[in-house]
Amino acid sequence: MTTSEIPFTEDCLMQMLVEEFDISPDRLRPDDTLAEMGLDSLDLLGILVALDARTGKEVSGEELPITLRTSLAEAARIVCRAVAKARSIGWADAVE
């Protein structure tokens, strides 16, 4: 099974936030907004980059309508849905 075939779950998102954005696991509460967890607008772009790298799929900002006021629970639903729909990044795409 390739990276792009592995389902991206809420747990995957939480692990990514801990590892990529140095958020303590105890700060990951479903009702907290991304801003309340300490993320800023540049981090929203970082989420896109990290998703592409971790999933092998190209997720665009248009497919990921999250803001700093989005709760973690809602962000997880949006991200998981966007990753499931996104196309895999092929070798030719990576070289361009």
PDB file of N, CA and C in Angstrom:
ATOM      1  N   MET A   1       0.852  -1.170   0.000  1.00  0.00           N
ATOM      2  CA  MET A   1       0.000   0.000   0.000  1.00  0.00           C
ATOM      3  C   MET A   1       0.905   1.242   0.000  1.00  0.00           C
ATOM      4  N   THR A   2       0.679   2.160  -0.929  1.00  0.00           N
ATOM      5  CA  THR A   2       1.480   3.376  -1.005  1.00  0.00           C
ATOM      6  C   THR A   2       0.946   4.414  -0.027  1.00  0.00           C
ATOM      7  N   THR A   3       1.760   5.453   0.195  1.00  0.00           N
ATOM      8  CA  THR A   3       1.354   6.515   1.118  1.00  0.00           C
ATOM      9  C   THR A   3       0.027   7.121   0.712  1.00  0.00           C
ATOM     10  N   SER A   4      -0.178   7.304  -0.598  1.00  0.00           N
ATOM     11  CA  SER A   4      -1.413   7.936  -1.056  1.00  0.00           C
ATOM     12  C   SER A   4      -2.630   7.026  -0.917  1.00  0.00           C
ATOM     13  N   GLU A   5      -2.422   5.727  -0.664  1.00  0.00           N
ATOM     14  CA  GLU A   5      -3.542   4.805  -0.493  1.00  0.00           C
ATOM     15  C   GLU A   5      -3.955   4.666   0.974  1.00  0.00           C
ATOM     16  N   ILE A   6      -3.119   5.130   1.889  1.00  0.00           N
ATOM     17  CA  ILE A   6      -3.424   5.036   3.308  1.00  0.00           C
ATOM     18  C   ILE A   6      -4.391   6.160   3.663  1.00  0.00           C
ATOM     19  N   PRO A   7      -5.531   5.836   4.282  1.00  0.00           N
ATOM     20  CA  PRO A   7      -6.500   6.887   4.625  1.00  0.00           C
ATOM     21  C   PRO A   7      -5.896   7.898   5.604  1.00  0.00           C
ATOM     22  N   PHE A   8      -6.159   9.174   5.362  1.00  0.00           N
ATOM     23  CA  PHE A   8      -5.722  10.232   6.270  1.00  0.00           C
ATOM     24  C   PHE A   8      -6.853  10.442   7.263  1.00  0.00           C
ATOM     25  N   THR A   9      -6.563  10.260   8.541  1.00  0.00           N
ATOM     26  CA  THR A   9      -7.586  10.311   9.587  1.00  0.00           C
ATOM     27  C   THR A   9      -7.376  11.513  10.510  1.00  0.00           C
ATOM     28  N   GLU A  10      -8.320  11.702  11.407  1.00  0.00           N
ATOM     29  CA  GLU A  10      -8.199  12.754  12.417  1.00  0.00           C
ATOM     30  C   GLU A  10      -6.936  12.551  13.246  1.00  0.00           C
ATOM     31  N   ASP A  11      -6.631  11.298  13.579  1.00  0.00           N
ATOM     32  CA  ASP A  11      -5.406  11.009  14.332  1.00  0.00           C
ATOM     33  C   ASP A  11      -4.169  11.415  13.543  1.00  0.00           C
ATOM     34  N   CYS A  12      -4.193  11.212  12.222  1.00  0.00           N
ATOM     35  CA  CYS A  12      -3.068  11.625  11.372  1.00  0.00           C
ATOM     36  C   CYS A  12      -2.884  13.137  11.437  1.00  0.00           C
ATOM     37  N   LEU A  13      -3.990  13.876  11.401  1.00  0.00           N
ATOM     38  CA  LEU A  13      -3.911  15.334  11.476  1.00  0.00           C
ATOM     39  C   LEU A  13      -3.329  15.764  12.818  1.00  0.00           C
ATOM     40  N   MET A  14      -3.788  15.158  13.897  1.00  0.00           N
ATOM     41  CA  MET A  14      -3.285  15.532  15.216  1.00  0.00           C
ATOM     42  C   MET A  14      -1.794  15.218  15.339  1.00  0.00           C
ATOM     43  N   GLN A  15      -1.377  14.071  14.819  1.00  0.00           N
ATOM     44  CA  GLN A  15       0.041  13.723  14.845  1.00  0.00           C
ATOM     45  C   GLN A  15       0.849  14.736  14.032  1.00  0.00           C
ATOM     46  N   MET A  16       0.321  15.148  12.884  1.00  0.00           N
ATOM     47  CA  MET A  16       0.998  16.128  12.044  1.00  0.00           C
ATOM     48  C   MET A  16       1.133  17.464  12.777  1.00  0.00           C
ATOM     49  N   LEU A  17       0.081  17.898  13.466  1.00  0.00           N
ATOM     50  CA  LEU A  17       0.137  19.161  14.203  1.00  0.00           C
ATOM     51  C   LEU A  17       1.183  19.108  15.312  1.00  0.00           C
ATOM     52  N   VAL A  18       1.277  17.986  15.984  1.00  0.00           N
ATOM     53  CA  VAL A  18       2.269  17.824  17.050  1.00  0.00           C
ATOM     54  C   VAL A  18       3.681  17.846  16.464  1.00  0.00           C
ATOM     55  N   GLU A  19       3.902  17.079  15.400  1.00  0.00           N
ATOM     56  CA  GLU A  19       5.244  16.933  14.838  1.00  0.00           C
ATOM     57  C   GLU A  19       5.694  18.137  14.012  1.00  0.00           C
ATOM     58  N   GLU A  20       4.819  18.687  13.210  1.00  0.00           N
ATOM     59  CA  GLU A  20       5.209  19.760  12.286  1.00  0.00           C
ATOM     60  C   GLU A  20       5.108  21.154  12.905  1.00  0.00           C
ATOM     61  N   PHE A  21       4.204  21.326  13.860  1.00  0.00           N
ATOM     62  CA  PHE A  21       3.942  22.663  14.391  1.00  0.00           C
ATOM     63  C   PHE A  21       4.211  22.768  15.892  1.00  0.00           C
ATOM     64  N   ASP A  22       4.842  21.744  16.450  1.00  0.00           N
ATOM     65  CA  ASP A  22       5.242  21.743  17.863  1.00  0.00           C
ATOM     66  C   ASP A  22       4.104  22.090  18.820  1.00  0.00           C
ATOM     67  N   ILE A  23       2.939  21.553  18.534  1.00  0.00           N
ATOM     68  CA  ILE A  23       1.801  21.745  19.432  1.00  0.00           C
ATOM     69  C   ILE A  23       1.775  20.568  20.400  1.00  0.00           C
ATOM     70  N   SER A  24       1.704  20.873  21.668  1.00  0.00           N
ATOM     71  CA  SER A  24       1.655  19.830  22.684  1.00  0.00           C
ATOM     72  C   SER A  24       0.361  19.028  22.527  1.00  0.00           C
ATOM     73  N   PRO A  25       0.434  17.704  22.618  1.00  0.00           N
ATOM     74  CA  PRO A  25      -0.776  16.884  22.467  1.00  0.00           C
ATOM     75  C   PRO A  25      -1.905  17.276  23.419  1.00  0.00           C
ATOM     76  N   ASP A  26      -1.570  17.777  24.607  1.00  0.00           N
ATOM     77  CA  ASP A  26      -2.631  18.156  25.548  1.00  0.00           C
ATOM     78  C   ASP A  26      -3.336  19.451  25.147  1.00  0.00           C
ATOM     79  N   ARG A  27      -2.817  20.157  24.140  1.00  0.00           N
ATOM     80  CA  ARG A  27      -3.483  21.366  23.627  1.00  0.00           C
ATOM     81  C   ARG A  27      -4.430  21.048  22.479  1.00  0.00           C
ATOM     82  N   LEU A  28      -4.499  19.802  22.074  1.00  0.00           N
ATOM     83  CA  LEU A  28      -5.356  19.397  20.957  1.00  0.00           C
ATOM     84  C   LEU A  28      -6.738  19.017  21.475  1.00  0.00           C
ATOM     85  N   ARG A  29      -7.576  20.030  21.619  1.00  0.00           N
ATOM     86  CA  ARG A  29      -8.948  19.811  22.079  1.00  0.00           C
ATOM     87  C   ARG A  29      -9.896  20.081  20.915  1.00  0.00           C
ATOM     88  N   PRO A  30     -10.836  19.179  20.659  1.00  0.00           N
ATOM     89  CA  PRO A  30     -11.703  19.270  19.477  1.00  0.00           C
ATOM     90  C   PRO A  30     -12.423  20.599  19.303  1.00  0.00           C
ATOM     91  N   ASP A  31     -12.833  21.237  20.395  1.00  0.00           N
ATOM     92  CA  ASP A  31     -13.602  22.479  20.289  1.00  0.00           C
ATOM     93  C   ASP A  31     -12.738  23.731  20.168  1.00  0.00           C
ATOM     94  N   ASP A  32     -11.433  23.602  20.393  1.00  0.00           N
ATOM     95  CA  ASP A  32     -10.544  24.761  20.273  1.00  0.00           C
ATOM     96  C   ASP A  32     -10.324  25.109  18.809  1.00  0.00           C
ATOM     97  N   THR A  33     -10.197  26.408  18.543  1.00  0.00           N
ATOM     98  CA  THR A  33      -9.902  26.838  17.173  1.00  0.00           C
ATOM     99  C   THR A  33      -8.407  26.660  16.909  1.00  0.00           C
ATOM    100  N   LEU A  34      -8.065  26.723  15.639  1.00  0.00           N
ATOM    101  CA  LEU A  34      -6.655  26.608  15.277  1.00  0.00           C
ATOM    102  C   LEU A  34      -5.854  27.752  15.895  1.00  0.00           C
ATOM    103  N   ALA A  35      -6.441  28.943  15.966  1.00  0.00           N
ATOM    104  CA  ALA A  35      -5.767  30.084  16.596  1.00  0.00           C
ATOM    105  C   ALA A  35      -5.547  29.833  18.087  1.00  0.00           C
ATOM    106  N   GLU A  36      -6.531  29.248  18.750  1.00  0.00           N
ATOM    107  CA  GLU A  36      -6.396  28.960  20.181  1.00  0.00           C
ATOM    108  C   GLU A  36      -5.295  27.941  20.448  1.00  0.00           C
ATOM    109  N   MET A  37      -4.962  27.143  19.448  1.00  0.00           N
ATOM    110  CA  MET A  37      -3.873  26.180  19.593  1.00  0.00           C
ATOM    111  C   MET A  37      -2.518  26.809  19.278  1.00  0.00           C
ATOM    112  N   GLY A  38      -2.536  28.086  18.861  1.00  0.00           N
ATOM    113  CA  GLY A  38      -1.286  28.789  18.606  1.00  0.00           C
ATOM    114  C   GLY A  38      -0.873  28.881  17.149  1.00  0.00           C
ATOM    115  N   LEU A  39      -1.738  28.449  16.231  1.00  0.00           N
ATOM    116  CA  LEU A  39      -1.400  28.534  14.812  1.00  0.00           C
ATOM    117  C   LEU A  39      -1.677  29.936  14.282  1.00  0.00           C
ATOM    118  N   ASP A  40      -0.956  30.312  13.212  1.00  0.00           N
ATOM    119  CA  ASP A  40      -1.194  31.598  12.562  1.00  0.00           C
ATOM    120  C   ASP A  40      -1.429  31.366  11.071  1.00  0.00           C
ATOM    121  N   SER A  41      -1.589  32.451  10.320  1.00  0.00           N
ATOM    122  CA  SER A  41      -1.937  32.320   8.899  1.00  0.00           C
ATOM    123  C   SER A  41      -0.847  31.606   8.097  1.00  0.00           C
ATOM    124  N   LEU A  42       0.408  31.793   8.450  1.00  0.00           N
ATOM    125  CA  LEU A  42       1.475  31.065   7.750  1.00  0.00           C
ATOM    126  C   LEU A  42       1.394  29.565   8.030  1.00  0.00           C
ATOM    127  N   ASP A  43       0.961  29.220   9.224  1.00  0.00           N
ATOM    128  CA  ASP A  43       0.803  27.803   9.563  1.00  0.00           C
ATOM    129  C   ASP A  43      -0.276  27.140   8.710  1.00  0.00           C
ATOM    130  N   LEU A  44      -1.303  27.907   8.311  1.00  0.00           N
ATOM    131  CA  LEU A  44      -2.330  27.336   7.432  1.00  0.00           C
ATOM    132  C   LEU A  44      -1.710  26.915   6.106  1.00  0.00           C
ATOM    133  N   LEU A  45      -0.785  27.716   5.589  1.00  0.00           N
ATOM    134  CA  LEU A  45      -0.060  27.327   4.373  1.00  0.00           C
ATOM    135  C   LEU A  45       0.831  26.120   4.653  1.00  0.00           C
ATOM    136  N   GLY A  46       1.434  26.115   5.824  1.00  0.00           N
ATOM    137  CA  GLY A  46       2.270  24.986   6.215  1.00  0.00           C
ATOM    138  C   GLY A  46       1.493  23.681   6.283  1.00  0.00           C
ATOM    139  N   ILE A  47       0.226  23.763   6.664  1.00  0.00           N
ATOM    140  CA  ILE A  47      -0.622  22.567   6.697  1.00  0.00           C
ATOM    141  C   ILE A  47      -0.755  21.990   5.292  1.00  0.00           C
ATOM    142  N   LEU A  48      -0.954  22.853   4.298  1.00  0.00           N
ATOM    143  CA  LEU A  48      -1.052  22.382   2.907  1.00  0.00           C
ATOM    144  C   LEU A  48       0.221  21.673   2.477  1.00  0.00           C
ATOM    145  N   VAL A  49       1.360  22.278   2.764  1.00  0.00           N
ATOM    146  CA  VAL A  49       2.648  21.697   2.381  1.00  0.00           C
ATOM    147  C   VAL A  49       2.853  20.356   3.088  1.00  0.00           C
ATOM    148  N   ALA A  50       2.564  20.321   4.379  1.00  0.00           N
ATOM    149  CA  ALA A  50       2.736  19.088   5.147  1.00  0.00           C
ATOM    150  C   ALA A  50       1.796  17.990   4.660  1.00  0.00           C
ATOM    151  N   LEU A  51       0.569  18.353   4.298  1.00  0.00           N
ATOM    152  CA  LEU A  51      -0.375  17.356   3.774  1.00  0.00           C
ATOM    153  C   LEU A  51       0.140  16.751   2.481  1.00  0.00           C
ATOM    154  N   ASP A  52       0.627  17.598   1.575  1.00  0.00           N
ATOM    155  CA  ASP A  52       1.173  17.096   0.315  1.00  0.00           C
ATOM    156  C   ASP A  52       2.313  16.114   0.582  1.00  0.00           C
ATOM    157  N   ALA A  53       3.224  16.500   1.483  1.00  0.00           N
ATOM    158  CA  ALA A  53       4.389  15.667   1.783  1.00  0.00           C
ATOM    159  C   ALA A  53       4.002  14.359   2.468  1.00  0.00           C
ATOM    160  N   ARG A  54       3.060  14.418   3.389  1.00  0.00           N
ATOM    161  CA  ARG A  54       2.698  13.226   4.158  1.00  0.00           C
ATOM    162  C   ARG A  54       1.781  12.268   3.408  1.00  0.00           C
ATOM    163  N   THR A  55       0.966  12.802   2.522  1.00  0.00           N
ATOM    164  CA  THR A  55      -0.024  11.946   1.862  1.00  0.00           C
ATOM    165  C   THR A  55       0.338  11.581   0.434  1.00  0.00           C
ATOM    166  N   GLY A  56       1.251  12.335  -0.178  1.00  0.00           N
ATOM    167  CA  GLY A  56       1.556  12.103  -1.590  1.00  0.00           C
ATOM    168  C   GLY A  56       0.428  12.562  -2.494  1.00  0.00           C
ATOM    169  N   LYS A  57      -0.427  13.437  -1.963  1.00  0.00           N
ATOM    170  CA  LYS A  57      -1.551  13.970  -2.730  1.00  0.00           C
ATOM    171  C   LYS A  57      -1.462  15.482  -2.757  1.00  0.00           C
ATOM    172  N   GLU A  58      -1.977  16.067  -3.834  1.00  0.00           N
ATOM    173  CA  GLU A  58      -1.964  17.511  -3.987  1.00  0.00           C
ATOM    174  C   GLU A  58      -3.292  18.085  -3.500  1.00  0.00           C
ATOM    175  N   VAL A  59      -3.251  18.720  -2.345  1.00  0.00           N
ATOM    176  CA  VAL A  59      -4.440  19.334  -1.763  1.00  0.00           C
ATOM    177  C   VAL A  59      -4.317  20.844  -1.962  1.00  0.00           C
ATOM    178  N   SER A  60      -5.283  21.437  -2.640  1.00  0.00           N
ATOM    179  CA  SER A  60      -5.223  22.882  -2.880  1.00  0.00           C
ATOM    180  C   SER A  60      -5.928  23.635  -1.757  1.00  0.00           C
ATOM    181  N   GLY A  61      -5.597  24.907  -1.636  1.00  0.00           N
ATOM    182  CA  GLY A  61      -6.237  25.752  -0.639  1.00  0.00           C
ATOM    183  C   GLY A  61      -7.734  25.865  -0.850  1.00  0.00           C
ATOM    184  N   GLU A  62      -8.165  25.777  -2.114  1.00  0.00           N
ATOM    185  CA  GLU A  62      -9.597  25.843  -2.420  1.00  0.00           C
ATOM    186  C   GLU A  62     -10.340  24.628  -1.876  1.00  0.00           C
ATOM    187  N   GLU A  63      -9.644  23.496  -1.814  1.00  0.00           N
ATOM    188  CA  GLU A  63     -10.249  22.267  -1.301  1.00  0.00           C
ATOM    189  C   GLU A  63     -10.178  22.203   0.222  1.00  0.00           C
ATOM    190  N   LEU A  64      -9.482  23.166   0.809  1.00  0.00           N
ATOM    191  CA  LEU A  64      -9.241  23.152   2.247  1.00  0.00           C
ATOM    192  C   LEU A  64      -9.683  24.483   2.860  1.00  0.00           C
ATOM    193  N   PRO A  65     -10.995  24.717   2.924  1.00  0.00           N
ATOM    194  CA  PRO A  65     -11.494  26.010   3.404  1.00  0.00           C
ATOM    195  C   PRO A  65     -11.474  26.133   4.930  1.00  0.00           C
ATOM    196  N   ILE A  66     -10.275  26.096   5.492  1.00  0.00           N
ATOM    197  CA  ILE A  66     -10.165  26.271   6.939  1.00  0.00           C
ATOM    198  C   ILE A  66      -9.568  27.646   7.233  1.00  0.00           C
ATOM    199  N   THR A  67      -9.948  28.200   8.364  1.00  0.00           N
ATOM    200  CA  THR A  67      -9.414  29.479   8.829  1.00  0.00           C
ATOM    201  C   THR A  67      -8.914  29.291  10.253  1.00  0.00           C
ATOM    202  N   LEU A  68      -8.346  30.330  10.790  1.00  0.00           N
ATOM    203  CA  LEU A  68      -7.867  30.259  12.173  1.00  0.00           C
ATOM    204  C   LEU A  68      -9.013  30.114  13.162  1.00  0.00           C
ATOM    205  N   ARG A  69     -10.233  30.443  12.729  1.00  0.00           N
ATOM    206  CA  ARG A  69     -11.411  30.303  13.603  1.00  0.00           C
ATOM    207  C   ARG A  69     -12.069  28.929  13.488  1.00  0.00           C
ATOM    208  N   THR A  70     -11.532  28.072  12.634  1.00  0.00           N
ATOM    209  CA  THR A  70     -12.065  26.716  12.476  1.00  0.00           C
ATOM    210  C   THR A  70     -11.649  25.878  13.682  1.00  0.00           C
ATOM    211  N   SER A  71     -12.591  25.111  14.220  1.00  0.00           N
ATOM    212  CA  SER A  71     -12.255  24.233  15.351  1.00  0.00           C
ATOM    213  C   SER A  71     -11.435  23.052  14.849  1.00  0.00           C
ATOM    214  N   LEU A  72     -10.709  22.434  15.762  1.00  0.00           N
ATOM    215  CA  LEU A  72      -9.907  21.264  15.397  1.00  0.00           C
ATOM    216  C   LEU A  72     -10.796  20.161  14.837  1.00  0.00           C
ATOM    217  N   ALA A  73     -11.957  19.936  15.455  1.00  0.00           N
ATOM    218  CA  ALA A  73     -12.861  18.880  14.989  1.00  0.00           C
ATOM    219  C   ALA A  73     -13.325  19.146  13.559  1.00  0.00           C
ATOM    220  N   GLU A  74     -13.713  20.395  13.272  1.00  0.00           N
ATOM    221  CA  GLU A  74     -14.166  20.740  11.923  1.00  0.00           C
ATOM    222  C   GLU A  74     -13.004  20.698  10.938  1.00  0.00           C
ATOM    223  N   ALA A  75     -11.834  21.174  11.357  1.00  0.00           N
ATOM    224  CA  ALA A  75     -10.654  21.122  10.485  1.00  0.00           C
ATOM    225  C   ALA A  75     -10.330  19.675  10.122  1.00  0.00           C
ATOM    226  N   ALA A  76     -10.449  18.781  11.087  1.00  0.00           N
ATOM    227  CA  ALA A  76     -10.164  17.368  10.824  1.00  0.00           C
ATOM    228  C   ALA A  76     -11.123  16.810   9.780  1.00  0.00           C
ATOM    229  N   ARG A  77     -12.411  17.138   9.885  1.00  0.00           N
ATOM    230  CA  ARG A  77     -13.383  16.659   8.892  1.00  0.00           C
ATOM    231  C   ARG A  77     -13.055  17.212   7.503  1.00  0.00           C
ATOM    232  N   ILE A  78     -12.749  18.505   7.441  1.00  0.00           N
ATOM    233  CA  ILE A  78     -12.446  19.145   6.158  1.00  0.00           C
ATOM    234  C   ILE A  78     -11.180  18.554   5.546  1.00  0.00           C
ATOM    235  N   VAL A  79     -10.138  18.417   6.357  1.00  0.00           N
ATOM    236  CA  VAL A  79      -8.857  17.905   5.862  1.00  0.00           C
ATOM    237  C   VAL A  79      -8.998  16.464   5.386  1.00  0.00           C
ATOM    238  N   CYS A  80      -9.640  15.624   6.170  1.00  0.00           N
ATOM    239  CA  CYS A  80      -9.796  14.210   5.785  1.00  0.00           C
ATOM    240  C   CYS A  80     -10.582  14.080   4.488  1.00  0.00           C
ATOM    241  N   ARG A  81     -11.629  14.874   4.331  1.00  0.00           N
ATOM    242  CA  ARG A  81     -12.432  14.854   3.109  1.00  0.00           C
ATOM    243  C   ARG A  81     -11.608  15.348   1.913  1.00  0.00           C
ATOM    244  N   ALA A  82     -10.840  16.424   2.106  1.00  0.00           N
ATOM    245  CA  ALA A  82     -10.027  16.984   1.018  1.00  0.00           C
ATOM    246  C   ALA A  82      -8.939  16.011   0.580  1.00  0.00           C
ATOM    247  N   VAL A  83      -8.295  15.350   1.535  1.00  0.00           N
ATOM    248  CA  VAL A  83      -7.244  14.388   1.196  1.00  0.00           C
ATOM    249  C   VAL A  83      -7.839  13.198   0.449  1.00  0.00           C
ATOM    250  N   ALA A  84      -9.006  12.744   0.874  1.00  0.00           N
ATOM    251  CA  ALA A  84      -9.649  11.606   0.202  1.00  0.00           C
ATOM    252  C   ALA A  84      -9.969  11.925  -1.253  1.00  0.00           C
ATOM    253  N   LYS A  85     -10.328  13.184  -1.544  1.00  0.00           N
ATOM    254  CA  LYS A  85     -10.691  13.586  -2.906  1.00  0.00           C
ATOM    255  C   LYS A  85      -9.488  13.971  -3.766  1.00  0.00           C
ATOM    256  N   ALA A  86      -8.379  14.334  -3.140  1.00  0.00           N
ATOM    257  CA  ALA A  86      -7.224  14.879  -3.862  1.00  0.00           C
ATOM    258  C   ALA A  86      -6.578  13.834  -4.764  1.00  0.00           C
ATOM    259  N   ARG A  87      -5.961  14.338  -5.819  1.00  0.00           N
ATOM    260  CA  ARG A  87      -5.269  13.427  -6.734  1.00  0.00           C
ATOM    261  C   ARG A  87      -3.857  13.177  -6.229  1.00  0.00           C
ATOM    262  N   SER A  88      -3.354  11.993  -6.520  1.00  0.00           N
ATOM    263  CA  SER A  88      -1.992  11.644  -6.137  1.00  0.00           C
ATOM    264  C   SER A  88      -1.005  12.455  -6.954  1.00  0.00           C
ATOM    265  N   ILE A  89       0.088  12.823  -6.310  1.00  0.00           N
ATOM    266  CA  ILE A  89       1.157  13.530  -6.996  1.00  0.00           C
ATOM    267  C   ILE A  89       2.034  12.477  -7.653  1.00  0.00           C
ATOM    268  N   GLY A  90       2.106  12.515  -8.968  1.00  0.00           N
ATOM    269  CA  GLY A  90       2.938  11.564  -9.697  1.00  0.00           C
ATOM    270  C   GLY A  90       4.377  12.029  -9.767  1.00  0.00           C
ATOM    271  N   TRP A  91       5.250  11.159 -10.212  1.00  0.00           N
ATOM    272  CA  TRP A  91       6.662  11.486 -10.336  1.00  0.00           C
ATOM    273  C   TRP A  91       6.856  12.688 -11.243  1.00  0.00           C
ATOM    274  N   ALA A  92       6.135  12.740 -12.347  1.00  0.00           N
ATOM    275  CA  ALA A  92       6.269  13.859 -13.288  1.00  0.00           C
ATOM    276  C   ALA A  92       5.846  15.168 -12.631  1.00  0.00           C
ATOM    277  N   ASP A  93       4.828  15.126 -11.764  1.00  0.00           N
ATOM    278  CA  ASP A  93       4.388  16.330 -11.062  1.00  0.00           C
ATOM    279  C   ASP A  93       5.465  16.829 -10.106  1.00  0.00           C
ATOM    280  N   ALA A  94       6.150  15.904  -9.461  1.00  0.00           N
ATOM    281  CA  ALA A  94       7.166  16.272  -8.486  1.00  0.00           C
ATOM    282  C   ALA A  94       8.376  16.923  -9.148  1.00  0.00           C
ATOM    283  N   VAL A  95       8.651  16.556 -10.389  1.00  0.00           N
ATOM    284  CA  VAL A  95       9.820  17.070 -11.096  1.00  0.00           C
ATOM    285  C   VAL A  95       9.565  18.460 -11.654  1.00  0.00           C
ATOM    286  N   GLU A  96       8.323  18.761 -12.004  1.00  0.00           N
ATOM    287  CA  GLU A  96       8.006  20.053 -12.632  1.00  0.00           C
ATOM    288  C   GLU A  96       8.310  21.221 -11.760  1.00  0.00           C
TER     289      GLU A  96
END
